[in-house]
Protein backbone atom coordinates (compact mmCIF):
# COMPACT_ATOMS: atom_id res chain seq x y z
CA MET A 1 28.74 362.36 -21.36
CA ARG A 2 31.68 361.00 -19.38
CA ARG A 3 31.35 357.06 -19.73
CA ARG A 4 31.66 355.30 -16.25
CA LEU A 5 34.50 352.70 -16.36
CA LYS A 6 33.92 349.16 -14.38
CA VAL A 7 37.23 348.96 -12.40
CA GLY A 8 38.07 345.13 -11.73
CA LEU A 9 40.97 344.05 -9.55
CA ARG A 10 43.21 341.96 -11.78
CA LEU A 11 46.34 339.77 -10.70
CA ALA A 12 49.43 340.15 -12.42
CA PRO A 13 49.98 337.33 -14.84
CA ASN A 14 53.05 335.68 -12.15
CA GLN A 15 50.56 335.75 -9.43
CA ARG A 16 47.83 333.81 -11.26
CA ALA A 17 50.20 331.35 -12.61
CA LYS A 18 51.32 330.45 -8.94
CA GLN A 19 47.57 330.18 -8.00
CA ASP A 20 47.09 327.75 -10.58
CA ILE A 21 50.07 325.61 -9.86
CA ALA A 22 49.02 325.65 -6.11
CA LEU A 23 45.40 324.39 -7.12
CA LEU A 24 47.15 321.88 -9.20
CA VAL A 25 48.96 320.38 -6.54
CA ASP A 26 46.42 320.64 -3.99
CA GLN A 27 44.34 318.33 -6.72
CA VAL A 28 47.00 315.94 -7.06
CA LEU A 29 47.58 315.50 -3.59
CA ARG A 30 43.80 314.96 -3.04
CA SER A 31 43.84 312.31 -5.45
CA HIS A 32 46.84 310.52 -4.15
CA ARG A 33 45.39 310.43 -0.67
CA ARG A 34 41.96 308.91 -2.26
CA MET A 35 44.17 306.48 -4.29
CA GLU A 36 45.71 305.49 -0.98
CA CYS A 37 42.67 305.13 0.89
CA ILE A 38 41.32 302.81 -2.06
CA GLU A 39 44.51 300.79 -1.87
CA ASP A 40 43.95 300.62 2.05
CA ARG A 41 40.27 299.56 1.68
CA ASN A 42 41.38 296.91 -0.82
CA MET A 43 44.26 295.24 1.09
CA THR A 44 41.90 295.13 4.23
CA LYS A 45 39.23 293.27 1.95
CA ILE A 46 42.02 291.00 0.50
CA LYS A 47 43.52 290.18 4.05
CA SER A 48 39.80 289.71 5.28
CA ARG A 49 38.75 287.21 2.26
CA SER A 50 42.33 285.50 2.87
CA ALA A 51 41.41 284.93 6.84
CA SER A 52 37.88 283.96 5.80
CA GLU A 53 38.82 281.47 2.85
CA ALA A 54 41.49 279.83 5.43
CA ASN A 55 38.93 279.59 7.90
CA THR A 56 36.56 278.01 5.47
CA ASP A 57 39.37 275.72 4.31
CA ALA A 58 40.04 274.65 8.03
CA SER A 59 36.46 274.19 8.62
CA ARG A 60 36.19 271.90 5.39
CA ARG A 61 39.20 269.87 6.80
CA GLN A 62 36.83 268.74 9.99
CA ALA A 63 34.77 266.24 8.27
CA ALA A 64 37.54 264.93 6.27
CA SER A 65 39.58 264.10 9.27
CA ALA A 66 37.22 261.14 9.80
CA GLY A 67 39.00 259.59 6.67
CA GLU A 68 37.45 258.68 3.33
CA PHE A 69 35.35 255.71 2.31
CA TRP A 70 34.47 255.11 -1.69
CA ILE A 71 31.30 253.80 -2.27
CA ASP A 72 31.35 250.64 -4.69
CA GLY A 73 34.90 252.01 -5.75
CA ASP A 74 33.74 255.34 -7.80
CA LEU A 75 31.81 257.60 -5.31
CA PRO A 76 34.11 259.04 -2.56
CA ILE A 77 32.66 260.40 0.86
CA TYR A 78 33.97 261.44 4.12
CA ARG A 79 33.33 258.87 6.55
CA LEU A 80 31.14 261.21 9.11
CA GLY A 81 28.13 262.22 7.30
CA PHE A 82 24.68 264.06 8.32
CA GLY A 83 21.48 262.77 8.96
CA ALA A 84 18.41 264.72 7.83
CA MET A 85 15.63 263.07 9.80
CA ARG A 86 15.79 265.66 12.56
CA ILE A 87 15.16 268.63 10.41
CA THR A 88 11.35 268.01 10.29
CA GLY A 89 8.49 268.49 13.03
CA LYS A 90 7.91 266.37 16.09
CA GLY A 91 7.36 262.78 15.37
CA ILE A 92 9.29 263.47 12.13
CA TRP A 93 6.12 264.66 11.07
CA GLY A 94 5.40 268.11 9.21
CA GLU A 95 7.66 271.08 9.30
CA PRO A 96 10.28 271.90 11.70
CA PRO A 97 9.84 274.36 14.45
CA ASP A 98 12.81 276.73 13.31
CA HIS A 99 12.86 276.42 9.61
CA ASP A 100 15.66 279.20 9.19
CA GLU A 101 17.66 277.30 11.96
CA VAL A 102 17.55 274.12 9.98
CA ILE A 103 18.43 275.88 6.82
CA ARG A 104 21.33 277.13 8.54
CA VAL A 105 22.42 273.77 9.62
CA LEU A 106 22.52 272.08 6.34
CA ARG A 107 24.57 275.18 4.85
CA ARG A 108 27.15 274.92 7.87
CA ALA A 109 27.39 270.89 7.09
CA ILE A 110 28.61 271.65 3.97
CA GLU A 111 30.97 274.53 5.19
CA LEU A 112 32.38 271.75 7.58
CA GLY A 113 33.22 269.31 4.94
CA VAL A 114 30.23 267.28 4.93
CA ASN A 115 29.69 265.40 1.50
CA LEU A 116 27.23 262.47 2.61
CA ILE A 117 23.54 263.35 3.51
CA ASP A 118 20.91 260.63 4.16
CA THR A 119 17.07 261.16 4.14
CA ALA A 120 13.98 259.55 3.09
CA ASP A 121 10.76 260.42 1.32
CA SER A 122 9.07 259.31 4.60
CA TYR A 123 10.83 262.07 6.97
CA GLY A 124 8.00 264.90 6.94
CA PRO A 125 6.97 262.93 4.73
CA GLU A 126 8.63 265.03 1.82
CA VAL A 127 9.81 267.60 3.99
CA SER A 128 13.48 266.79 4.56
CA GLU A 129 14.03 266.30 0.78
CA ARG A 130 12.50 269.54 -0.05
CA ILE A 131 14.52 271.47 2.80
CA ILE A 132 17.56 270.17 1.48
CA ALA A 133 16.98 271.31 -1.99
CA GLU A 134 15.91 274.66 -0.60
CA ALA A 135 18.95 274.94 1.35
CA LEU A 136 21.73 273.71 -1.10
CA HIS A 137 20.57 273.70 -4.58
CA PRO A 138 22.35 273.97 -6.65
CA TYR A 139 24.61 271.19 -5.06
CA PRO A 140 28.42 271.63 -4.50
CA ALA A 141 30.43 269.49 -6.51
CA GLY A 142 31.16 266.19 -4.74
CA LEU A 143 28.06 265.99 -2.61
CA VAL A 144 26.07 262.79 -2.24
CA ILE A 145 22.57 262.76 -1.42
CA ALA A 146 21.00 259.36 -0.07
CA THR A 147 17.29 258.68 0.14
CA LYS A 148 15.40 256.01 1.14
CA ALA A 149 11.97 254.47 0.06
CA GLY A 150 9.65 251.79 1.62
CA PHE A 151 7.43 253.35 4.18
CA ASP A 152 3.68 255.02 4.20
CA ARG A 153 3.19 257.67 7.06
CA PRO A 154 -0.40 257.70 8.37
CA GLY A 155 0.44 260.09 11.08
CA PRO A 156 3.51 261.30 13.52
CA ASP A 157 5.68 258.62 14.79
CA GLN A 158 3.70 256.16 12.41
CA TRP A 159 5.73 253.81 10.00
CA VAL A 160 3.96 251.42 7.76
CA GLU A 161 6.26 249.40 5.45
CA ASN A 162 5.07 249.68 1.75
CA GLY A 163 7.30 247.58 -0.72
CA ARG A 164 5.16 247.34 -3.56
CA PRO A 165 7.26 248.02 -6.85
CA GLU A 166 4.50 250.55 -8.11
CA HIS A 167 5.02 252.60 -4.71
CA LEU A 168 8.89 252.38 -4.74
CA ARG A 169 8.79 253.78 -8.54
CA ALA A 170 6.64 256.42 -7.43
CA ALA A 171 8.56 257.36 -4.36
CA CYS A 172 11.87 257.83 -6.44
CA GLU A 173 10.12 260.10 -8.86
CA GLY A 174 8.75 261.96 -5.71
CA SER A 175 12.41 262.07 -4.43
CA LEU A 176 13.88 263.09 -7.88
CA ARG A 177 11.60 265.65 -8.12
CA ARG A 178 11.75 267.43 -4.69
CA LEU A 179 15.70 267.10 -4.27
CA ARG A 180 15.90 268.54 -8.13
CA LEU A 181 17.97 265.88 -9.34
CA GLU A 182 18.55 263.76 -12.55
CA ARG A 183 19.78 261.00 -10.46
CA ILE A 184 19.99 259.56 -7.07
CA ASP A 185 23.46 258.58 -6.09
CA LEU A 186 22.35 256.26 -3.37
CA PHE A 187 18.94 254.90 -3.18
CA GLN A 188 18.01 252.67 -0.28
CA LEU A 189 15.18 250.36 0.58
CA HIS A 190 14.16 251.73 3.85
CA ARG A 191 12.76 248.21 4.98
CA ILE A 192 12.21 244.89 3.23
CA ASP A 193 8.30 244.64 3.27
CA PRO A 194 7.42 241.19 4.60
CA LYS A 195 3.94 241.24 2.90
CA ILE A 196 5.98 241.58 -0.79
CA PRO A 197 8.16 239.04 -2.10
CA ALA A 198 11.75 240.42 -1.45
CA GLU A 199 12.89 239.73 -5.10
CA ASP A 200 10.09 241.96 -6.40
CA GLN A 201 11.27 244.87 -4.18
CA ILE A 202 14.75 244.38 -5.18
CA GLY A 203 13.75 243.82 -8.73
CA ALA A 204 12.13 247.31 -8.65
CA LEU A 205 15.21 248.86 -7.49
CA LYS A 206 17.07 247.35 -10.24
CA ASP A 207 14.96 248.34 -12.91
CA LEU A 208 15.17 252.14 -11.90
CA GLN A 209 19.13 251.64 -11.69
CA THR A 210 18.59 250.27 -15.30
CA GLN A 211 16.84 253.37 -16.38
CA GLY A 212 19.47 255.73 -14.83
CA LYS A 213 17.28 257.10 -12.18
CA ILE A 214 19.44 256.03 -9.16
CA ARG A 215 23.10 255.30 -9.43
CA HIS A 216 23.57 252.56 -6.32
CA ILE A 217 21.43 250.62 -4.29
CA GLY A 218 21.68 250.31 -0.54
CA LEU A 219 19.44 248.61 2.05
CA SER A 220 18.21 249.31 5.63
CA GLN A 221 17.72 247.20 8.82
CA VAL A 222 18.40 243.75 7.31
CA THR A 223 20.02 240.64 8.18
CA VAL A 224 23.16 238.81 6.33
CA ALA A 225 21.15 236.53 4.64
CA GLN A 226 18.71 239.23 3.41
CA ILE A 227 21.82 240.86 1.93
CA GLU A 228 22.85 237.83 0.17
CA ASP A 229 19.93 236.97 -1.29
CA ALA A 230 19.79 240.74 -2.65
CA ARG A 231 22.98 240.52 -4.17
CA LYS A 232 22.00 237.80 -6.06
CA ILE A 233 19.88 240.43 -7.76
CA VAL A 234 21.85 243.84 -7.75
CA PRO A 235 25.15 244.85 -6.15
CA ILE A 236 24.52 246.24 -2.89
CA VAL A 237 26.88 249.15 -1.79
CA THR A 238 25.66 250.28 1.65
CA VAL A 239 23.58 248.77 4.75
CA GLN A 240 21.92 251.35 7.05
CA ASN A 241 21.19 249.13 10.45
CA ARG A 242 20.89 250.05 14.01
CA TYR A 243 24.09 250.16 15.57
CA SER A 244 25.66 252.24 18.59
CA LEU A 245 27.79 252.04 21.59
CA ALA A 246 24.84 250.64 23.46
CA ASP A 247 23.50 248.46 20.87
CA GLN A 248 25.68 245.99 19.02
CA SER A 249 22.54 243.80 17.66
CA ALA A 250 23.80 244.12 14.14
CA GLU A 251 27.45 243.07 14.69
CA ALA A 252 27.38 240.04 12.53
CA VAL A 253 26.12 242.60 9.89
CA LEU A 254 28.83 245.08 10.62
CA ASP A 255 31.40 242.03 9.94
CA TYR A 256 29.70 241.03 6.93
CA CYS A 257 29.90 244.59 5.43
CA GLU A 258 33.69 245.06 6.41
CA ARG A 259 34.65 241.78 4.85
CA SER A 260 32.44 242.70 1.51
CA LYS A 261 33.74 246.40 1.50
CA ILE A 262 30.04 247.37 1.93
CA GLY A 263 29.48 250.70 3.75
CA PHE A 264 27.77 250.39 7.22
CA ILE A 265 25.51 253.15 7.93
CA PRO A 266 24.65 253.03 11.88
CA TRP A 267 21.15 254.93 12.42
CA TYR A 268 20.58 256.23 15.68
CA PRO A 269 24.51 256.16 16.36
CA LEU A 270 24.14 258.17 19.52
CA ALA A 271 21.63 256.13 21.42
CA ALA A 272 24.22 255.27 24.20
CA GLY A 273 21.63 254.76 26.56
CA SER A 274 22.66 254.47 30.07
CA LEU A 275 25.96 254.67 29.04
CA THR A 276 25.83 258.50 28.96
CA ALA A 277 24.19 258.57 32.54
CA ARG A 278 26.16 261.28 35.04
CA GLY A 279 28.85 259.49 36.48
CA GLY A 280 28.60 256.57 33.92
CA GLY A 281 31.44 254.94 31.92
CA LEU A 282 31.22 256.87 28.99
CA ASP A 283 30.54 260.20 30.94
CA ARG A 284 34.01 259.71 33.04
CA ALA A 285 36.07 258.84 30.05
CA ALA A 286 34.37 261.90 28.12
CA THR A 287 35.37 264.38 31.36
CA GLU A 288 38.63 262.95 31.41
CA LEU A 289 39.22 263.53 27.60
CA LYS A 290 37.49 266.87 27.98
CA ILE A 291 34.92 266.20 25.05
CA THR A 292 31.29 265.47 25.23
CA THR A 293 29.56 262.02 25.68
CA SER A 294 28.43 262.44 22.18
CA GLN A 295 31.85 262.89 20.67
CA LEU A 296 33.44 260.09 22.38
CA ALA A 297 30.45 257.82 21.29
CA LEU A 298 31.29 259.12 17.42
CA ALA A 299 34.89 258.58 18.04
CA TRP A 300 34.23 254.95 19.02
CA LEU A 301 32.13 254.23 15.96
CA LEU A 302 34.62 255.53 13.63
CA TRP A 303 37.36 253.53 15.19
CA ARG A 304 34.97 250.41 15.33
CA SER A 305 35.40 250.09 11.66
CA PRO A 306 36.90 251.55 8.41
CA VAL A 307 33.69 250.86 6.69
CA MET A 308 31.29 252.58 9.53
CA LEU A 309 29.75 255.89 8.14
CA PRO A 310 28.00 257.44 11.14
CA ILE A 311 25.27 259.91 10.07
CA PRO A 312 24.29 261.99 13.33
CA GLY A 313 21.48 264.44 12.76
CA THR A 314 20.43 267.53 14.60
CA SER A 315 18.47 270.58 13.99
CA ARG A 316 20.79 272.97 15.75
CA VAL A 317 24.03 274.32 14.37
CA GLN A 318 25.80 274.34 17.63
CA HIS A 319 25.40 270.64 18.00
CA LEU A 320 26.10 269.91 14.48
CA GLU A 321 29.64 271.42 14.85
CA GLU A 322 29.97 269.54 18.22
CA ASN A 323 29.43 266.08 16.29
CA VAL A 324 31.62 267.08 13.24
CA ALA A 325 34.54 268.04 15.51
CA ALA A 326 34.37 264.61 16.57
CA ALA A 327 35.99 263.71 13.07
CA ALA A 328 39.58 264.98 14.36
CA LEU A 329 39.61 263.49 17.72
CA LYS A 330 42.71 261.41 18.51
CA ILE A 331 42.06 258.76 21.16
CA ASP A 332 43.94 256.05 21.98
CA GLY A 333 42.50 252.80 20.53
CA ASP A 334 42.91 250.95 23.93
CA ARG A 335 40.95 253.76 25.54
CA LEU A 336 37.86 253.23 22.99
CA ARG A 337 38.22 249.32 23.47
CA GLU A 338 37.59 250.00 27.37
CA LEU A 339 34.20 251.31 26.24
CA ARG A 340 33.10 248.07 24.94
CA PRO A 341 35.41 245.23 26.30
CA GLY A 342 33.48 242.48 24.30
CA VAL A 343 33.69 244.59 20.97
CA ARG A 344 37.14 244.31 19.04
């Protein structure tokens, strides 16, 4: 029998070599193109990251534009802070209507360079402190969280002084736990309870300081005489009294703080009252300067005294950004003086 031979086409050696070379060149070119694409994407990411970092740096300079204040000479903060009372529910009671938005507010405040956040165990109660920790812990370096104790909250918009030493001690422990802190940088007596000897209330805070649970002590809504009495027991580094363009009832306290280099934290700083009415003096001035009345009111506070530490609060990012932008405003002192001629 004849064997059937399988016949296959075979390339000549030189043809096969040419085909192998062509295939190799094609692979090299494809690899080169892939590398170029990767490099282009990396460069785009680098440029995008650089632009983002530049924007972040610019944002962080906003709060810094307000200038710096050193609490007791060892704790630097920017003079425009954030008040966290409004991140709770109506009547400063319960959870906020929009939880996610207040989380964004707190994180945006840090992005804008704010490094002083003021709260209290009575805001919510407990809600404000808990949300601060939820949004920001672990905390960025340099952030100062100030909290307060001295109120019981039986219900919405209800505030009852409680300066019993055991209450103040328990409040401090609760704040440490909710804020996830080992030590509170600034612990303030929310009110001096008239039912309890003031020296007992201040003494309780001194004990907490000695124990290392709080670093500095502040007071709220006090007179000059009360500050002086408290300073005989413990150093007082801040005072938080109601003060604004519309309310200078604490003028003597502010002047005392300025002489003593004590930080003055004006609560309700945007209570401009009738001044903000359409067509009013503040409204006209703000319109001419192409800014909002709130920004002008904050600019006035920052101009008023180097120890002034406004802490405007809000539950909306847009309002926060508007407030912090006031730190960078450059307004002539004479123009600001015209807003309140009786105030130097």
